[in-house]
Amino acid sequence: MSRRRPALAALCGACLIVLSACASTPADSAAEVNTESSSTASTQNVAPSDMTIIDVRTPEEYAEGHLEGAVNIDIQAEDFKEQIAALDPAGNYAVYCRSGNRSGQAVSFMESAGFTSVQNLGSRDEASEILSTPIVK
């Protein structure tokens, strides 16, 4: 019985390490990346002036309230890929939607298209908090 205790303790410890590594959510990761990589945003409490904020929700959702200065590029629109292709791949972009799902898809597409500085900010409210940018109608 005493031989099994060290093995059981080691197994429990390994499980705890694995579970704690999996505990962060994608929204948390986006917030961490933003605050670490963008000292301008955290020190001035505003989005960097060279950052383009993209709202990938529908025009109706955008009209209900969006981040000040955000451009609406609906990921569900037929011309979404063309609108993204018209952007500068070397630009600095922050993308959000309602929950983080569509913005995650948009960021993946943009990265596969050669964009080098794209951040998924998750939901509109998370993006507003991360960038300290107000929501306007």
N, C-alpha and C. Protein backbone atom coordinates (compact mmCIF):
# COMPACT_ATOMS: atom_id res chain seq x y z
N MET A 1 0.82 -1.20 0.00
CA MET A 1 0.00 0.00 0.00
C MET A 1 0.86 1.26 0.00
N SER A 2 1.96 1.25 0.77
CA SER A 2 2.80 2.44 0.85
C SER A 2 3.55 2.69 -0.45
N ARG A 3 3.73 1.65 -1.28
CA ARG A 3 4.39 1.84 -2.58
C ARG A 3 3.49 2.61 -3.55
N ARG A 4 2.21 2.46 -3.39
CA ARG A 4 1.27 3.08 -4.31
C ARG A 4 1.07 4.57 -4.03
N ARG A 5 1.27 4.98 -2.81
CA ARG A 5 1.03 6.38 -2.46
C ARG A 5 1.90 7.36 -3.25
N PRO A 6 3.22 7.14 -3.36
CA PRO A 6 4.02 8.08 -4.16
C PRO A 6 3.59 8.11 -5.63
N ALA A 7 3.25 6.95 -6.17
CA ALA A 7 2.81 6.91 -7.56
C ALA A 7 1.49 7.65 -7.73
N LEU A 8 0.58 7.44 -6.79
CA LEU A 8 -0.71 8.12 -6.83
C LEU A 8 -0.54 9.63 -6.68
N ALA A 9 0.34 10.05 -5.78
CA ALA A 9 0.61 11.47 -5.58
C ALA A 9 1.21 12.09 -6.85
N ALA A 10 2.12 11.38 -7.50
CA ALA A 10 2.73 11.88 -8.73
C ALA A 10 1.69 12.00 -9.84
N LEU A 11 0.80 11.01 -9.93
CA LEU A 11 -0.25 11.04 -10.93
C LEU A 11 -1.20 12.21 -10.70
N CYS A 12 -1.59 12.43 -9.45
CA CYS A 12 -2.46 13.56 -9.11
C CYS A 12 -1.79 14.89 -9.44
N GLY A 13 -0.52 15.00 -9.13
CA GLY A 13 0.23 16.23 -9.42
C GLY A 13 0.29 16.50 -10.92
N ALA A 14 0.53 15.45 -11.70
CA ALA A 14 0.58 15.61 -13.16
C ALA A 14 -0.78 16.05 -13.70
N CYS A 15 -1.85 15.47 -13.17
CA CYS A 15 -3.20 15.86 -13.60
C CYS A 15 -3.48 17.32 -13.29
N LEU A 16 -3.07 17.78 -12.12
CA LEU A 16 -3.28 19.18 -11.74
C LEU A 16 -2.54 20.13 -12.68
N ILE A 17 -1.33 19.76 -13.05
CA ILE A 17 -0.54 20.59 -13.96
C ILE A 17 -1.22 20.68 -15.32
N VAL A 18 -1.68 19.54 -15.84
CA VAL A 18 -2.34 19.52 -17.14
C VAL A 18 -3.63 20.34 -17.10
N LEU A 19 -4.43 20.16 -16.06
CA LEU A 19 -5.68 20.90 -15.95
C LEU A 19 -5.46 22.40 -15.82
N SER A 20 -4.46 22.81 -15.07
CA SER A 20 -4.20 24.24 -14.92
C SER A 20 -3.70 24.85 -16.23
N ALA A 21 -2.99 24.08 -17.04
CA ALA A 21 -2.52 24.58 -18.33
C ALA A 21 -3.67 24.77 -19.30
N CYS A 22 -4.72 23.99 -19.14
CA CYS A 22 -5.89 24.08 -20.03
C CYS A 22 -6.94 25.05 -19.52
N ALA A 23 -6.72 25.68 -18.40
CA ALA A 23 -7.75 26.49 -17.76
C ALA A 23 -8.00 27.83 -18.43
N SER A 24 -7.03 28.40 -19.15
CA SER A 24 -7.27 29.73 -19.74
C SER A 24 -8.21 29.62 -20.92
N THR A 25 -9.03 30.64 -21.11
CA THR A 25 -9.99 30.68 -22.21
C THR A 25 -9.41 31.49 -23.35
N PRO A 26 -9.93 31.32 -24.59
CA PRO A 26 -9.43 32.12 -25.70
C PRO A 26 -9.56 33.62 -25.46
N ALA A 27 -10.65 34.04 -24.83
CA ALA A 27 -10.82 35.48 -24.56
C ALA A 27 -9.75 35.97 -23.60
N ASP A 28 -9.41 35.14 -22.58
CA ASP A 28 -8.34 35.53 -21.67
C ASP A 28 -7.03 35.65 -22.42
N SER A 29 -6.77 34.70 -23.31
CA SER A 29 -5.52 34.73 -24.05
C SER A 29 -5.42 35.99 -24.90
N ALA A 30 -6.53 36.37 -25.54
CA ALA A 30 -6.51 37.58 -26.37
C ALA A 30 -6.21 38.80 -25.52
N ALA A 31 -6.79 38.85 -24.34
CA ALA A 31 -6.56 40.00 -23.47
C ALA A 31 -5.10 40.04 -23.03
N GLU A 32 -4.54 38.86 -22.72
CA GLU A 32 -3.15 38.82 -22.29
C GLU A 32 -2.23 39.25 -23.42
N VAL A 33 -2.48 38.75 -24.64
CA VAL A 33 -1.64 39.12 -25.77
C VAL A 33 -1.71 40.62 -26.00
N ASN A 34 -2.90 41.18 -25.94
CA ASN A 34 -3.06 42.61 -26.18
C ASN A 34 -2.32 43.45 -25.16
N THR A 35 -2.45 43.12 -23.89
CA THR A 35 -1.81 43.95 -22.88
C THR A 35 -0.30 43.80 -22.89
N GLU A 36 0.19 42.63 -23.26
CA GLU A 36 1.64 42.44 -23.30
C GLU A 36 2.25 43.06 -24.56
N SER A 37 1.55 42.95 -25.69
CA SER A 37 2.14 43.41 -26.94
C SER A 37 1.84 44.88 -27.25
N SER A 38 0.91 45.46 -26.54
CA SER A 38 0.54 46.83 -26.86
C SER A 38 0.62 47.72 -25.62
N SER A 39 1.82 48.15 -25.32
CA SER A 39 1.99 49.00 -24.15
C SER A 39 1.31 50.35 -24.35
N THR A 40 1.17 50.78 -25.60
CA THR A 40 0.50 52.04 -25.87
C THR A 40 -0.94 52.00 -25.39
N ALA A 41 -1.62 50.89 -25.66
CA ALA A 41 -3.03 50.77 -25.26
C ALA A 41 -3.16 50.78 -23.75
N SER A 42 -2.26 50.11 -23.05
CA SER A 42 -2.41 50.03 -21.60
C SER A 42 -1.96 51.31 -20.90
N THR A 43 -1.00 52.03 -21.44
CA THR A 43 -0.53 53.23 -20.76
C THR A 43 -1.41 54.44 -21.06
N GLN A 44 -1.96 54.51 -22.25
CA GLN A 44 -2.79 55.66 -22.62
C GLN A 44 -4.28 55.37 -22.46
N ASN A 45 -4.63 54.12 -22.21
CA ASN A 45 -6.02 53.69 -22.08
C ASN A 45 -6.86 53.98 -23.33
N VAL A 46 -6.23 53.91 -24.48
CA VAL A 46 -6.93 54.03 -25.76
C VAL A 46 -6.27 53.09 -26.75
N ALA A 47 -6.98 52.79 -27.83
CA ALA A 47 -6.39 51.97 -28.88
C ALA A 47 -5.26 52.75 -29.53
N PRO A 48 -4.17 52.07 -29.92
CA PRO A 48 -3.10 52.76 -30.63
C PRO A 48 -3.65 53.44 -31.88
N SER A 49 -3.12 54.60 -32.20
CA SER A 49 -3.66 55.36 -33.33
C SER A 49 -3.50 54.64 -34.66
N ASP A 50 -2.52 53.74 -34.76
CA ASP A 50 -2.33 53.02 -36.01
C ASP A 50 -3.14 51.73 -36.08
N MET A 51 -3.96 51.46 -35.07
CA MET A 51 -4.75 50.23 -35.05
C MET A 51 -6.10 50.44 -35.72
N THR A 52 -6.45 49.51 -36.60
CA THR A 52 -7.78 49.50 -37.20
C THR A 52 -8.62 48.49 -36.43
N ILE A 53 -9.73 48.96 -35.89
CA ILE A 53 -10.64 48.08 -35.14
C ILE A 53 -11.71 47.60 -36.10
N ILE A 54 -11.85 46.28 -36.22
CA ILE A 54 -12.81 45.69 -37.15
C ILE A 54 -13.89 44.94 -36.38
N ASP A 55 -15.14 45.30 -36.65
CA ASP A 55 -16.32 44.63 -36.10
C ASP A 55 -16.84 43.71 -37.19
N VAL A 56 -16.78 42.39 -36.97
CA VAL A 56 -17.18 41.44 -38.01
C VAL A 56 -18.63 40.97 -37.87
N ARG A 57 -19.41 41.67 -37.05
CA ARG A 57 -20.83 41.33 -36.89
C ARG A 57 -21.63 41.85 -38.08
N THR A 58 -22.91 41.53 -38.11
CA THR A 58 -23.78 42.00 -39.19
C THR A 58 -23.99 43.51 -39.07
N PRO A 59 -24.40 44.16 -40.16
CA PRO A 59 -24.68 45.60 -40.08
C PRO A 59 -25.75 45.93 -39.03
N GLU A 60 -26.72 45.05 -38.84
CA GLU A 60 -27.75 45.28 -37.84
C GLU A 60 -27.16 45.26 -36.43
N GLU A 61 -26.29 44.30 -36.16
CA GLU A 61 -25.63 44.23 -34.85
C GLU A 61 -24.74 45.45 -34.63
N TYR A 62 -24.03 45.84 -35.68
CA TYR A 62 -23.15 47.01 -35.63
C TYR A 62 -23.96 48.26 -35.27
N ALA A 63 -25.14 48.41 -35.89
CA ALA A 63 -25.99 49.58 -35.65
C ALA A 63 -26.50 49.64 -34.21
N GLU A 64 -26.61 48.49 -33.56
CA GLU A 64 -27.09 48.45 -32.17
C GLU A 64 -26.04 48.96 -31.18
N GLY A 65 -24.80 49.05 -31.63
CA GLY A 65 -23.72 49.54 -30.78
C GLY A 65 -22.41 48.90 -31.18
N HIS A 66 -21.39 49.74 -31.37
CA HIS A 66 -20.07 49.27 -31.78
C HIS A 66 -19.00 50.14 -31.11
N LEU A 67 -17.76 49.68 -31.16
CA LEU A 67 -16.67 50.47 -30.60
C LEU A 67 -16.47 51.73 -31.44
N GLU A 68 -16.22 52.82 -30.75
CA GLU A 68 -15.97 54.09 -31.43
C GLU A 68 -14.80 53.91 -32.39
N GLY A 69 -15.00 54.29 -33.65
CA GLY A 69 -13.95 54.20 -34.65
C GLY A 69 -13.86 52.87 -35.37
N ALA A 70 -14.67 51.89 -34.97
CA ALA A 70 -14.62 50.57 -35.60
C ALA A 70 -15.23 50.60 -36.99
N VAL A 71 -14.66 49.80 -37.89
CA VAL A 71 -15.24 49.62 -39.21
C VAL A 71 -15.97 48.28 -39.22
N ASN A 72 -17.07 48.23 -39.95
CA ASN A 72 -17.88 47.02 -40.01
C ASN A 72 -17.56 46.25 -41.28
N ILE A 73 -16.98 45.07 -41.10
CA ILE A 73 -16.74 44.15 -42.22
C ILE A 73 -17.41 42.84 -41.81
N ASP A 74 -18.63 42.63 -42.28
CA ASP A 74 -19.45 41.48 -41.91
C ASP A 74 -18.83 40.19 -42.44
N ILE A 75 -18.46 39.30 -41.53
CA ILE A 75 -17.84 38.04 -41.93
C ILE A 75 -18.81 37.16 -42.73
N GLN A 76 -20.11 37.39 -42.58
CA GLN A 76 -21.10 36.60 -43.29
C GLN A 76 -21.44 37.17 -44.67
N ALA A 77 -20.88 38.33 -44.99
CA ALA A 77 -21.14 38.96 -46.29
C ALA A 77 -20.42 38.21 -47.40
N GLU A 78 -21.02 38.21 -48.58
CA GLU A 78 -20.42 37.53 -49.73
C GLU A 78 -19.05 38.11 -50.10
N ASP A 79 -18.87 39.40 -49.87
CA ASP A 79 -17.61 40.04 -50.26
C ASP A 79 -16.63 40.20 -49.09
N PHE A 80 -16.80 39.43 -48.03
CA PHE A 80 -15.92 39.55 -46.86
C PHE A 80 -14.45 39.38 -47.26
N LYS A 81 -14.13 38.34 -48.01
CA LYS A 81 -12.73 38.09 -48.38
C LYS A 81 -12.16 39.22 -49.22
N GLU A 82 -12.98 39.79 -50.09
CA GLU A 82 -12.52 40.90 -50.92
C GLU A 82 -12.27 42.15 -50.07
N GLN A 83 -13.15 42.39 -49.09
CA GLN A 83 -12.96 43.55 -48.21
C GLN A 83 -11.68 43.40 -47.39
N ILE A 84 -11.41 42.20 -46.91
CA ILE A 84 -10.17 41.95 -46.15
C ILE A 84 -8.96 42.09 -47.07
N ALA A 85 -9.06 41.57 -48.29
CA ALA A 85 -7.94 41.65 -49.24
C ALA A 85 -7.59 43.10 -49.57
N ALA A 86 -8.54 44.01 -49.44
CA ALA A 86 -8.29 45.43 -49.73
C ALA A 86 -7.50 46.12 -48.62
N LEU A 87 -7.37 45.47 -47.46
CA LEU A 87 -6.63 46.05 -46.33
C LEU A 87 -5.14 45.81 -46.48
N ASP A 88 -4.34 46.61 -45.79
CA ASP A 88 -2.88 46.46 -45.79
C ASP A 88 -2.49 45.31 -44.87
N PRO A 89 -1.90 44.23 -45.40
CA PRO A 89 -1.52 43.09 -44.56
C PRO A 89 -0.48 43.44 -43.49
N ALA A 90 0.22 44.54 -43.66
CA ALA A 90 1.22 44.95 -42.67
C ALA A 90 0.62 45.86 -41.59
N GLY A 91 -0.67 46.16 -41.70
CA GLY A 91 -1.32 47.03 -40.73
C GLY A 91 -1.53 46.34 -39.39
N ASN A 92 -2.01 47.12 -38.43
CA ASN A 92 -2.25 46.65 -37.07
C ASN A 92 -3.76 46.57 -36.87
N TYR A 93 -4.29 45.35 -36.62
CA TYR A 93 -5.74 45.15 -36.57
C TYR A 93 -6.18 44.49 -35.27
N ALA A 94 -7.34 44.91 -34.80
CA ALA A 94 -8.01 44.30 -33.65
C ALA A 94 -9.42 43.95 -34.11
N VAL A 95 -9.83 42.70 -33.90
CA VAL A 95 -11.10 42.20 -34.43
C VAL A 95 -11.99 41.74 -33.28
N TYR A 96 -13.29 42.07 -33.36
CA TYR A 96 -14.24 41.60 -32.36
C TYR A 96 -15.57 41.27 -33.00
N CYS A 97 -16.43 40.57 -32.25
CA CYS A 97 -17.78 40.24 -32.70
C CYS A 97 -18.70 40.22 -31.49
N ARG A 98 -19.67 39.31 -31.45
CA ARG A 98 -20.59 39.24 -30.32
C ARG A 98 -20.02 38.38 -29.20
N SER A 99 -19.39 37.24 -29.58
CA SER A 99 -18.93 36.31 -28.55
C SER A 99 -17.46 35.93 -28.67
N GLY A 100 -16.84 36.22 -29.78
CA GLY A 100 -15.45 35.83 -30.00
C GLY A 100 -15.31 34.74 -31.05
N ASN A 101 -16.41 34.10 -31.43
CA ASN A 101 -16.36 33.03 -32.42
C ASN A 101 -16.08 33.56 -33.83
N ARG A 102 -16.91 34.48 -34.29
CA ARG A 102 -16.71 35.03 -35.64
C ARG A 102 -15.40 35.79 -35.75
N SER A 103 -15.04 36.52 -34.69
CA SER A 103 -13.76 37.25 -34.74
C SER A 103 -12.60 36.27 -34.80
N GLY A 104 -12.71 35.14 -34.13
CA GLY A 104 -11.67 34.11 -34.20
C GLY A 104 -11.52 33.58 -35.61
N GLN A 105 -12.65 33.35 -36.28
CA GLN A 105 -12.63 32.88 -37.67
C GLN A 105 -12.01 33.94 -38.58
N ALA A 106 -12.37 35.19 -38.35
CA ALA A 106 -11.83 36.28 -39.17
C ALA A 106 -10.32 36.42 -38.99
N VAL A 107 -9.87 36.34 -37.74
CA VAL A 107 -8.44 36.44 -37.46
C VAL A 107 -7.69 35.29 -38.12
N SER A 108 -8.23 34.08 -38.04
CA SER A 108 -7.59 32.93 -38.70
C SER A 108 -7.48 33.15 -40.20
N PHE A 109 -8.55 33.66 -40.80
CA PHE A 109 -8.52 33.94 -42.24
C PHE A 109 -7.48 35.01 -42.56
N MET A 110 -7.46 36.08 -41.77
CA MET A 110 -6.52 37.17 -42.03
C MET A 110 -5.08 36.69 -41.89
N GLU A 111 -4.80 35.88 -40.87
CA GLU A 111 -3.44 35.36 -40.70
C GLU A 111 -3.05 34.46 -41.86
N SER A 112 -3.99 33.63 -42.34
CA SER A 112 -3.69 32.76 -43.47
C SER A 112 -3.50 33.56 -44.76
N ALA A 113 -4.06 34.78 -44.80
CA ALA A 113 -3.90 35.66 -45.96
C ALA A 113 -2.65 36.52 -45.86
N GLY A 114 -1.84 36.33 -44.82
CA GLY A 114 -0.57 37.04 -44.71
C GLY A 114 -0.56 38.25 -43.80
N PHE A 115 -1.65 38.50 -43.08
CA PHE A 115 -1.67 39.62 -42.14
C PHE A 115 -0.77 39.26 -40.96
N THR A 116 0.05 40.22 -40.54
CA THR A 116 1.06 39.92 -39.52
C THR A 116 0.74 40.44 -38.13
N SER A 117 -0.19 41.37 -38.00
CA SER A 117 -0.52 41.93 -36.69
C SER A 117 -2.04 42.01 -36.52
N VAL A 118 -2.62 40.88 -36.10
CA VAL A 118 -4.07 40.77 -35.94
C VAL A 118 -4.36 40.17 -34.58
N GLN A 119 -5.27 40.79 -33.84
CA GLN A 119 -5.64 40.30 -32.51
C GLN A 119 -7.13 40.05 -32.44
N ASN A 120 -7.50 38.92 -31.84
CA ASN A 120 -8.90 38.61 -31.58
C ASN A 120 -9.23 39.15 -30.19
N LEU A 121 -10.08 40.16 -30.13
CA LEU A 121 -10.44 40.76 -28.85
C LEU A 121 -11.69 40.15 -28.24
N GLY A 122 -12.28 39.15 -28.89
CA GLY A 122 -13.45 38.49 -28.34
C GLY A 122 -14.72 39.28 -28.62
N SER A 123 -15.53 39.46 -27.58
CA SER A 123 -16.81 40.15 -27.73
C SER A 123 -16.63 41.67 -27.77
N ARG A 124 -17.71 42.34 -28.14
CA ARG A 124 -17.69 43.81 -28.18
C ARG A 124 -17.35 44.39 -26.82
N ASP A 125 -17.98 43.86 -25.77
CA ASP A 125 -17.74 44.39 -24.43
C ASP A 125 -16.31 44.11 -23.96
N GLU A 126 -15.78 42.93 -24.29
CA GLU A 126 -14.39 42.62 -23.94
C GLU A 126 -13.45 43.56 -24.68
N ALA A 127 -13.72 43.78 -25.96
CA ALA A 127 -12.88 44.68 -26.77
C ALA A 127 -12.91 46.09 -26.22
N SER A 128 -14.10 46.55 -25.82
CA SER A 128 -14.23 47.89 -25.24
C SER A 128 -13.39 48.03 -23.99
N GLU A 129 -13.40 46.99 -23.16
CA GLU A 129 -12.61 47.03 -21.92
C GLU A 129 -11.12 46.96 -22.20
N ILE A 130 -10.71 46.05 -23.08
CA ILE A 130 -9.29 45.88 -23.40
C ILE A 130 -8.69 47.16 -23.97
N LEU A 131 -9.42 47.79 -24.89
CA LEU A 131 -8.91 48.99 -25.57
C LEU A 131 -9.30 50.29 -24.88
N SER A 132 -10.11 50.19 -23.83
CA SER A 132 -10.64 51.38 -23.15
C SER A 132 -11.27 52.33 -24.16
N THR A 133 -12.09 51.75 -25.02
CA THR A 133 -12.76 52.49 -26.08
C THR A 133 -14.27 52.41 -25.86
N PRO A 134 -14.98 53.53 -25.93
CA PRO A 134 -16.43 53.51 -25.66
C PRO A 134 -17.23 52.83 -26.77
N ILE A 135 -18.41 52.36 -26.38
CA ILE A 135 -19.37 51.80 -27.32
C ILE A 135 -20.32 52.93 -27.73
N VAL A 136 -20.50 53.08 -29.04
CA VAL A 136 -21.37 54.13 -29.57
C VAL A 136 -22.42 53.51 -30.49
N LYS A 137 -23.48 54.29 -30.76
CA LYS A 137 -24.53 53.83 -31.70
C LYS A 137 -24.53 54.69 -32.93
